[in-house]
Amino acid sequence: MNVVNQLLLLPTRLFGERALKRAGVRYGRGLRLYGIPVVAVAQGSSLTIGNNVVLCSLSEFTALGVNHAVVLRTLLPGAKLFIGNDVGISGGTLCAAVHVEIGDGTMLGANVTIADTDFHPVASPKRRYAPLSEAEHAPVIIGKNVFIGTGSIVLKGVTIGDNAVIGAGSVVTKDVPAGAIAAGNPARILREHAIPRA
């Protein structure tokens, strides 16, 4: 990155870090912010970011560009959103009503969405006005060194094992084992044990 870009990014880093601190986010050393993320932490919940994490909210700094800033939200008291070390997120959305965990070394391609809740009840009479607490929730666990391709959506109750790869544009509704390649809508396993352990 050239000196001009570094100088242009300095204010967004400062404002971004200030926004994280003001929201009560705990983050480790080496955090790199390209633009200012959208962050909201519900009272009584926690949002933790590990070391050497990259949050890219500006299209100028990622090849595919991003549709919006990185969005990190805990939604209910007791919710936990944990992002491990050496994770990269470009324009992604992570929402935790109960628990979302991203393992060390995982990369989220541009505009990936991960949510552990349906946000609204499925029953139509209550759908619009019911509180979030009445929607279904289930933890999402993403293992270490996982690559989730651009535009993918990972839904509630899913566990993705270490070293797995999710193809671009996938909708992941079921668990993906370690080392597997999965893709599609809904995502299905294309190859198991295709990726050796790092």
C-alpha atoms as a PDB file:
ATOM      1  CA  MET A   1       0.000   0.000   0.000  1.00  0.00           C
ATOM      2  CA  ASN A   2       1.398   3.382  -0.964  1.00  0.00           C
ATOM      3  CA  VAL A   3       1.967   6.264   1.458  1.00  0.00           C
ATOM      4  CA  VAL A   4      -1.022   8.269   0.189  1.00  0.00           C
ATOM      5  CA  ASN A   5      -3.411   5.382   0.873  1.00  0.00           C
ATOM      6  CA  GLN A   6      -1.889   4.887   4.318  1.00  0.00           C
ATOM      7  CA  LEU A   7      -2.458   8.549   5.157  1.00  0.00           C
ATOM      8  CA  LEU A   8      -6.021   8.436   3.822  1.00  0.00           C
ATOM      9  CA  LEU A   9      -6.774   5.396   5.975  1.00  0.00           C
ATOM     10  CA  LEU A  10      -5.374   6.838   9.194  1.00  0.00           C
ATOM     11  CA  PRO A  11      -8.564   8.739  10.178  1.00  0.00           C
ATOM     12  CA  THR A  12     -10.781   5.724   9.453  1.00  0.00           C
ATOM     13  CA  ARG A  13      -8.538   3.517  11.594  1.00  0.00           C
ATOM     14  CA  LEU A  14      -8.711   5.967  14.473  1.00  0.00           C
ATOM     15  CA  PHE A  15     -12.483   6.435  14.198  1.00  0.00           C
ATOM     16  CA  GLY A  16     -12.986   2.708  13.680  1.00  0.00           C
ATOM     17  CA  GLU A  17     -10.989   1.766  16.762  1.00  0.00           C
ATOM     18  CA  ARG A  18     -12.830   4.428  18.740  1.00  0.00           C
ATOM     19  CA  ALA A  19     -16.174   2.962  17.596  1.00  0.00           C
ATOM     20  CA  LEU A  20     -15.075  -0.518  18.676  1.00  0.00           C
ATOM     21  CA  LYS A  21     -13.963   0.704  22.091  1.00  0.00           C
ATOM     22  CA  ARG A  22     -17.126   2.748  22.600  1.00  0.00           C
ATOM     23  CA  ALA A  23     -19.228  -0.344  21.829  1.00  0.00           C
ATOM     24  CA  GLY A  24     -17.260  -2.399  24.371  1.00  0.00           C
ATOM     25  CA  VAL A  25     -15.527  -4.639  21.843  1.00  0.00           C
ATOM     26  CA  ARG A  26     -12.398  -6.405  23.063  1.00  0.00           C
ATOM     27  CA  TYR A  27      -9.808  -6.688  20.317  1.00  0.00           C
ATOM     28  CA  GLY A  28      -6.234  -7.899  20.118  1.00  0.00           C
ATOM     29  CA  ARG A  29      -3.067  -6.446  18.685  1.00  0.00           C
ATOM     30  CA  GLY A  30      -2.481  -5.886  14.981  1.00  0.00           C
ATOM     31  CA  LEU A  31      -6.095  -5.081  14.059  1.00  0.00           C
ATOM     32  CA  ARG A  32      -6.269  -3.614  10.534  1.00  0.00           C
ATOM     33  CA  LEU A  33      -9.295  -1.540   9.601  1.00  0.00           C
ATOM     34  CA  TYR A  34      -9.959  -0.488   6.029  1.00  0.00           C
ATOM     35  CA  GLY A  35     -12.898   1.815   6.605  1.00  0.00           C
ATOM     36  CA  ILE A  36     -15.151   1.985   9.631  1.00  0.00           C
ATOM     37  CA  PRO A  37     -17.144  -1.151  10.536  1.00  0.00           C
ATOM     38  CA  VAL A  38     -20.744  -1.031  11.745  1.00  0.00           C
ATOM     39  CA  VAL A  39     -20.696  -2.383  15.288  1.00  0.00           C
ATOM     40  CA  ALA A  40     -23.472  -2.924  17.828  1.00  0.00           C
ATOM     41  CA  VAL A  41     -23.148  -4.861  21.081  1.00  0.00           C
ATOM     42  CA  ALA A  42     -26.310  -5.680  23.018  1.00  0.00           C
ATOM     43  CA  GLN A  43     -26.210  -5.045  26.734  1.00  0.00           C
ATOM     44  CA  GLY A  44     -24.974  -8.126  28.563  1.00  0.00           C
ATOM     45  CA  SER A  45     -23.406  -9.648  25.428  1.00  0.00           C
ATOM     46  CA  SER A  46     -19.805  -9.823  24.208  1.00  0.00           C
ATOM     47  CA  LEU A  47     -17.925  -9.223  20.966  1.00  0.00           C
ATOM     48  CA  THR A  48     -14.287 -10.319  20.937  1.00  0.00           C
ATOM     49  CA  ILE A  49     -11.786  -9.931  18.083  1.00  0.00           C
ATOM     50  CA  GLY A  50      -8.422 -11.718  18.143  1.00  0.00           C
ATOM     51  CA  ASN A  51      -4.959 -10.661  16.979  1.00  0.00           C
ATOM     52  CA  ASN A  52      -4.032  -9.643  13.409  1.00  0.00           C
ATOM     53  CA  VAL A  53      -7.627  -9.475  12.176  1.00  0.00           C
ATOM     54  CA  VAL A  54      -8.450  -7.547   8.978  1.00  0.00           C
ATOM     55  CA  LEU A  55     -11.852  -5.849   8.618  1.00  0.00           C
ATOM     56  CA  CYS A  56     -12.238  -4.390   5.131  1.00  0.00           C
ATOM     57  CA  SER A  57     -15.175  -2.006   4.687  1.00  0.00           C
ATOM     58  CA  LEU A  58     -13.932  -0.177   1.591  1.00  0.00           C
ATOM     59  CA  SER A  59     -14.068  -1.532  -1.955  1.00  0.00           C
ATOM     60  CA  GLU A  60     -10.752   0.101  -2.844  1.00  0.00           C
ATOM     61  CA  PHE A  61      -8.906  -2.381  -0.649  1.00  0.00           C
ATOM     62  CA  THR A  62     -10.294  -5.731  -1.801  1.00  0.00           C
ATOM     63  CA  ALA A  63     -10.327  -7.152  -5.329  1.00  0.00           C
ATOM     64  CA  LEU A  64     -14.049  -7.974  -5.506  1.00  0.00           C
ATOM     65  CA  GLY A  65     -15.203  -4.836  -3.745  1.00  0.00           C
ATOM     66  CA  VAL A  66     -17.765  -4.834  -0.936  1.00  0.00           C
ATOM     67  CA  ASN A  67     -21.487  -4.088  -0.911  1.00  0.00           C
ATOM     68  CA  HIS A  68     -21.308  -2.410   2.502  1.00  0.00           C
ATOM     69  CA  ALA A  69     -19.087  -1.934   5.523  1.00  0.00           C
ATOM     70  CA  VAL A  70     -18.309  -4.907   7.758  1.00  0.00           C
ATOM     71  CA  VAL A  71     -21.258  -5.398  10.133  1.00  0.00           C
ATOM     72  CA  LEU A  72     -20.643  -7.007  13.546  1.00  0.00           C
ATOM     73  CA  ARG A  73     -23.654  -7.279  15.861  1.00  0.00           C
ATOM     74  CA  THR A  74     -24.689  -9.088  19.006  1.00  0.00           C
ATOM     75  CA  LEU A  75     -28.463  -8.988  19.293  1.00  0.00           C
ATOM     76  CA  LEU A  76     -29.553 -10.305  22.696  1.00  0.00           C
ATOM     77  CA  PRO A  77     -28.218 -10.338  26.278  1.00  0.00           C
ATOM     78  CA  GLY A  78     -25.810 -13.249  26.736  1.00  0.00           C
ATOM     79  CA  ALA A  79     -24.937 -13.429  23.024  1.00  0.00           C
ATOM     80  CA  LYS A  80     -21.303 -14.071  22.121  1.00  0.00           C
ATOM     81  CA  LEU A  81     -19.592 -13.151  18.861  1.00  0.00           C
ATOM     82  CA  PHE A  82     -15.989 -14.367  18.774  1.00  0.00           C
ATOM     83  CA  ILE A  83     -13.552 -13.762  15.908  1.00  0.00           C
ATOM     84  CA  GLY A  84     -10.244 -15.625  16.248  1.00  0.00           C
ATOM     85  CA  ASN A  85      -6.697 -14.638  15.288  1.00  0.00           C
ATOM     86  CA  ASP A  86      -5.611 -13.944  11.694  1.00  0.00           C
ATOM     87  CA  VAL A  87      -9.184 -13.755  10.360  1.00  0.00           C
ATOM     88  CA  GLY A  88     -10.015 -11.691   7.262  1.00  0.00           C
ATOM     89  CA  ILE A  89     -13.491 -10.241   6.636  1.00  0.00           C
ATOM     90  CA  SER A  90     -14.414  -8.079   3.627  1.00  0.00           C
ATOM     91  CA  GLY A  91     -17.836  -6.431   3.738  1.00  0.00           C
ATOM     92  CA  GLY A  92     -19.200  -9.332   5.757  1.00  0.00           C
ATOM     93  CA  THR A  93     -22.151  -9.392   8.153  1.00  0.00           C
ATOM     94  CA  LEU A  94     -21.950 -11.388  11.396  1.00  0.00           C
ATOM     95  CA  CYS A  95     -24.989 -11.391  13.692  1.00  0.00           C
ATOM     96  CA  ALA A  96     -25.132 -13.330  16.954  1.00  0.00           C
ATOM     97  CA  ALA A  97     -28.317 -13.771  18.974  1.00  0.00           C
ATOM     98  CA  VAL A  98     -26.718 -16.633  20.942  1.00  0.00           C
ATOM     99  CA  HIS A  99     -23.259 -17.606  19.673  1.00  0.00           C
ATOM    100  CA  VAL A 100     -21.192 -17.131  16.521  1.00  0.00           C
ATOM    101  CA  GLU A 101     -17.551 -18.222  16.497  1.00  0.00           C
ATOM    102  CA  ILE A 102     -14.985 -17.777  13.711  1.00  0.00           C
ATOM    103  CA  GLY A 103     -11.833 -19.882  14.071  1.00  0.00           C
ATOM    104  CA  ASP A 104      -8.223 -18.752  13.643  1.00  0.00           C
ATOM    105  CA  GLY A 105      -6.984 -18.215  10.100  1.00  0.00           C
ATOM    106  CA  THR A 106     -10.438 -18.211   8.518  1.00  0.00           C
ATOM    107  CA  MET A 107     -11.135 -16.019   5.477  1.00  0.00           C
ATOM    108  CA  LEU A 108     -14.561 -14.682   4.610  1.00  0.00           C
ATOM    109  CA  GLY A 109     -14.805 -13.638   0.964  1.00  0.00           C
ATOM    110  CA  ALA A 110     -16.537 -10.397   0.054  1.00  0.00           C
ATOM    111  CA  ASN A 111     -20.091  -9.922   1.326  1.00  0.00           C
ATOM    112  CA  VAL A 112     -20.463 -13.145   3.315  1.00  0.00           C
ATOM    113  CA  THR A 113     -23.357 -13.271   5.818  1.00  0.00           C
ATOM    114  CA  ILE A 114     -23.310 -15.407   8.974  1.00  0.00           C
ATOM    115  CA  ALA A 115     -26.270 -15.380  11.366  1.00  0.00           C
ATOM    116  CA  ASP A 116     -27.360 -17.691  14.173  1.00  0.00           C
ATOM    117  CA  THR A 117     -30.985 -16.554  14.103  1.00  0.00           C
ATOM    118  CA  ASP A 118     -33.987 -16.392  11.814  1.00  0.00           C
ATOM    119  CA  PHE A 119     -34.572 -12.816  13.083  1.00  0.00           C
ATOM    120  CA  HIS A 120     -38.373 -13.335  12.879  1.00  0.00           C
ATOM    121  CA  PRO A 121     -40.650 -16.227  13.876  1.00  0.00           C
ATOM    122  CA  VAL A 122     -41.687 -18.413  10.964  1.00  0.00           C
ATOM    123  CA  ALA A 123     -45.382 -18.396  11.987  1.00  0.00           C
ATOM    124  CA  SER A 124     -46.985 -15.714   9.843  1.00  0.00           C
ATOM    125  CA  PRO A 125     -49.377 -14.094  12.371  1.00  0.00           C
ATOM    126  CA  LYS A 126     -46.452 -13.068  14.585  1.00  0.00           C
ATOM    127  CA  ARG A 127     -43.761 -12.595  11.996  1.00  0.00           C
ATOM    128  CA  ARG A 128     -43.660  -8.831  11.619  1.00  0.00           C
ATOM    129  CA  TYR A 129     -44.070  -7.572  15.175  1.00  0.00           C
ATOM    130  CA  ALA A 130     -42.695 -10.364  17.341  1.00  0.00           C
ATOM    131  CA  PRO A 131     -39.466  -9.616  19.233  1.00  0.00           C
ATOM    132  CA  LEU A 132     -36.209 -11.202  18.115  1.00  0.00           C
ATOM    133  CA  SER A 133     -36.256 -13.374  21.237  1.00  0.00           C
ATOM    134  CA  GLU A 134     -39.218 -15.313  19.753  1.00  0.00           C
ATOM    135  CA  ALA A 135     -37.304 -16.284  16.600  1.00  0.00           C
ATOM    136  CA  GLU A 136     -35.377 -19.544  16.406  1.00  0.00           C
ATOM    137  CA  HIS A 137     -31.656 -19.353  17.212  1.00  0.00           C
ATOM    138  CA  ALA A 138     -28.834 -21.908  17.156  1.00  0.00           C
ATOM    139  CA  PRO A 139     -25.046 -21.396  17.439  1.00  0.00           C
ATOM    140  CA  VAL A 140     -22.826 -21.143  14.364  1.00  0.00           C
ATOM    141  CA  ILE A 141     -19.274 -22.456  14.679  1.00  0.00           C
ATOM    142  CA  ILE A 142     -16.751 -21.910  11.881  1.00  0.00           C
ATOM    143  CA  GLY A 143     -13.544 -23.864  12.385  1.00  0.00           C
ATOM    144  CA  LYS A 144      -9.930 -22.876  11.796  1.00  0.00           C
ATOM    145  CA  ASN A 145      -8.493 -22.070   8.367  1.00  0.00           C
ATOM    146  CA  VAL A 146     -11.891 -22.163   6.651  1.00  0.00           C
ATOM    147  CA  PHE A 147     -12.457 -20.281   3.379  1.00  0.00           C
ATOM    148  CA  ILE A 148     -16.001 -19.074   2.711  1.00  0.00           C
ATOM    149  CA  GLY A 149     -16.452 -17.791  -0.838  1.00  0.00           C
ATOM    150  CA  THR A 150     -17.951 -14.445  -1.779  1.00  0.00           C
ATOM    151  CA  GLY A 151     -21.657 -13.886  -1.320  1.00  0.00           C
ATOM    152  CA  SER A 152     -22.212 -17.016   0.753  1.00  0.00           C
ATOM    153  CA  ILE A 153     -24.740 -17.226   3.593  1.00  0.00           C
ATOM    154  CA  VAL A 154     -24.242 -19.423   6.656  1.00  0.00           C
ATOM    155  CA  LEU A 155     -27.453 -20.006   8.614  1.00  0.00           C
ATOM    156  CA  LYS A 156     -28.280 -20.910  12.209  1.00  0.00           C
ATOM    157  CA  GLY A 157     -27.113 -24.177  13.724  1.00  0.00           C
ATOM    158  CA  VAL A 158     -24.290 -24.794  11.236  1.00  0.00           C
ATOM    159  CA  THR A 159     -20.820 -26.051  12.138  1.00  0.00           C
ATOM    160  CA  ILE A 160     -18.103 -25.883   9.467  1.00  0.00           C
ATOM    161  CA  GLY A 161     -15.043 -27.970  10.270  1.00  0.00           C
ATOM    162  CA  ASP A 162     -11.395 -26.920  10.100  1.00  0.00           C
ATOM    163  CA  ASN A 163      -9.866 -26.400   6.629  1.00  0.00           C
ATOM    164  CA  ALA A 164     -13.216 -26.642   4.817  1.00  0.00           C
ATOM    165  CA  VAL A 165     -13.983 -24.569   1.710  1.00  0.00           C
ATOM    166  CA  ILE A 166     -17.412 -23.126   0.885  1.00  0.00           C
ATOM    167  CA  GLY A 167     -17.942 -22.189  -2.768  1.00  0.00           C
ATOM    168  CA  ALA A 168     -19.020 -18.689  -3.763  1.00  0.00           C
ATOM    169  CA  GLY A 169     -22.718 -17.889  -3.474  1.00  0.00           C
ATOM    170  CA  SER A 170     -23.532 -20.904  -1.309  1.00  0.00           C
ATOM    171  CA  VAL A 171     -26.322 -21.095   1.262  1.00  0.00           C
ATOM    172  CA  VAL A 172     -25.076 -23.321   4.082  1.00  0.00           C
ATOM    173  CA  THR A 173     -27.918 -24.886   6.075  1.00  0.00           C
ATOM    174  CA  LYS A 174     -26.206 -28.068   7.356  1.00  0.00           C
ATOM    175  CA  ASP A 175     -22.864 -28.972   8.893  1.00  0.00           C
ATOM    176  CA  VAL A 176     -19.800 -29.255   6.677  1.00  0.00           C
ATOM    177  CA  PRO A 177     -17.074 -31.645   7.878  1.00  0.00           C
ATOM    178  CA  ALA A 178     -13.434 -30.716   8.281  1.00  0.00           C
ATOM    179  CA  GLY A 179     -11.464 -30.623   5.028  1.00  0.00           C
ATOM    180  CA  ALA A 180     -14.562 -30.838   2.818  1.00  0.00           C
ATOM    181  CA  ILE A 181     -15.545 -28.692  -0.156  1.00  0.00           C
ATOM    182  CA  ALA A 182     -19.208 -27.668  -0.243  1.00  0.00           C
ATOM    183  CA  ALA A 183     -21.168 -25.426  -2.603  1.00  0.00           C
ATOM    184  CA  GLY A 184     -24.656 -24.658  -3.871  1.00  0.00           C
ATOM    185  CA  ASN A 185     -28.073 -23.576  -2.643  1.00  0.00           C
ATOM    186  CA  PRO A 186     -28.568 -25.387  -0.404  1.00  0.00           C
ATOM    187  CA  ALA A 187     -24.892 -26.243  -0.082  1.00  0.00           C
ATOM    188  CA  ARG A 188     -23.976 -29.879  -0.488  1.00  0.00           C
ATOM    189  CA  ILE A 189     -20.693 -31.695  -0.024  1.00  0.00           C
ATOM    190  CA  LEU A 190     -18.802 -31.940  -3.313  1.00  0.00           C
ATOM    191  CA  ARG A 191     -15.727 -33.634  -1.913  1.00  0.00           C
ATOM    192  CA  GLU A 192     -14.994 -34.892   1.581  1.00  0.00           C
ATOM    193  CA  HIS A 193     -11.472 -34.826   2.993  1.00  0.00           C
ATOM    194  CA  ALA A 194     -10.388 -32.905  -0.091  1.00  0.00           C
ATOM    195  CA  ILE A 195      -8.310 -30.344   1.819  1.00  0.00           C
ATOM    196  CA  PRO A 196      -5.356 -31.664   3.831  1.00  0.00           C
ATOM    197  CA  ARG A 197      -4.704 -30.278   7.278  1.00  0.00           C
ATOM    198  CA  ALA A 198      -2.480 -27.214   7.272  1.00  0.00           C
END
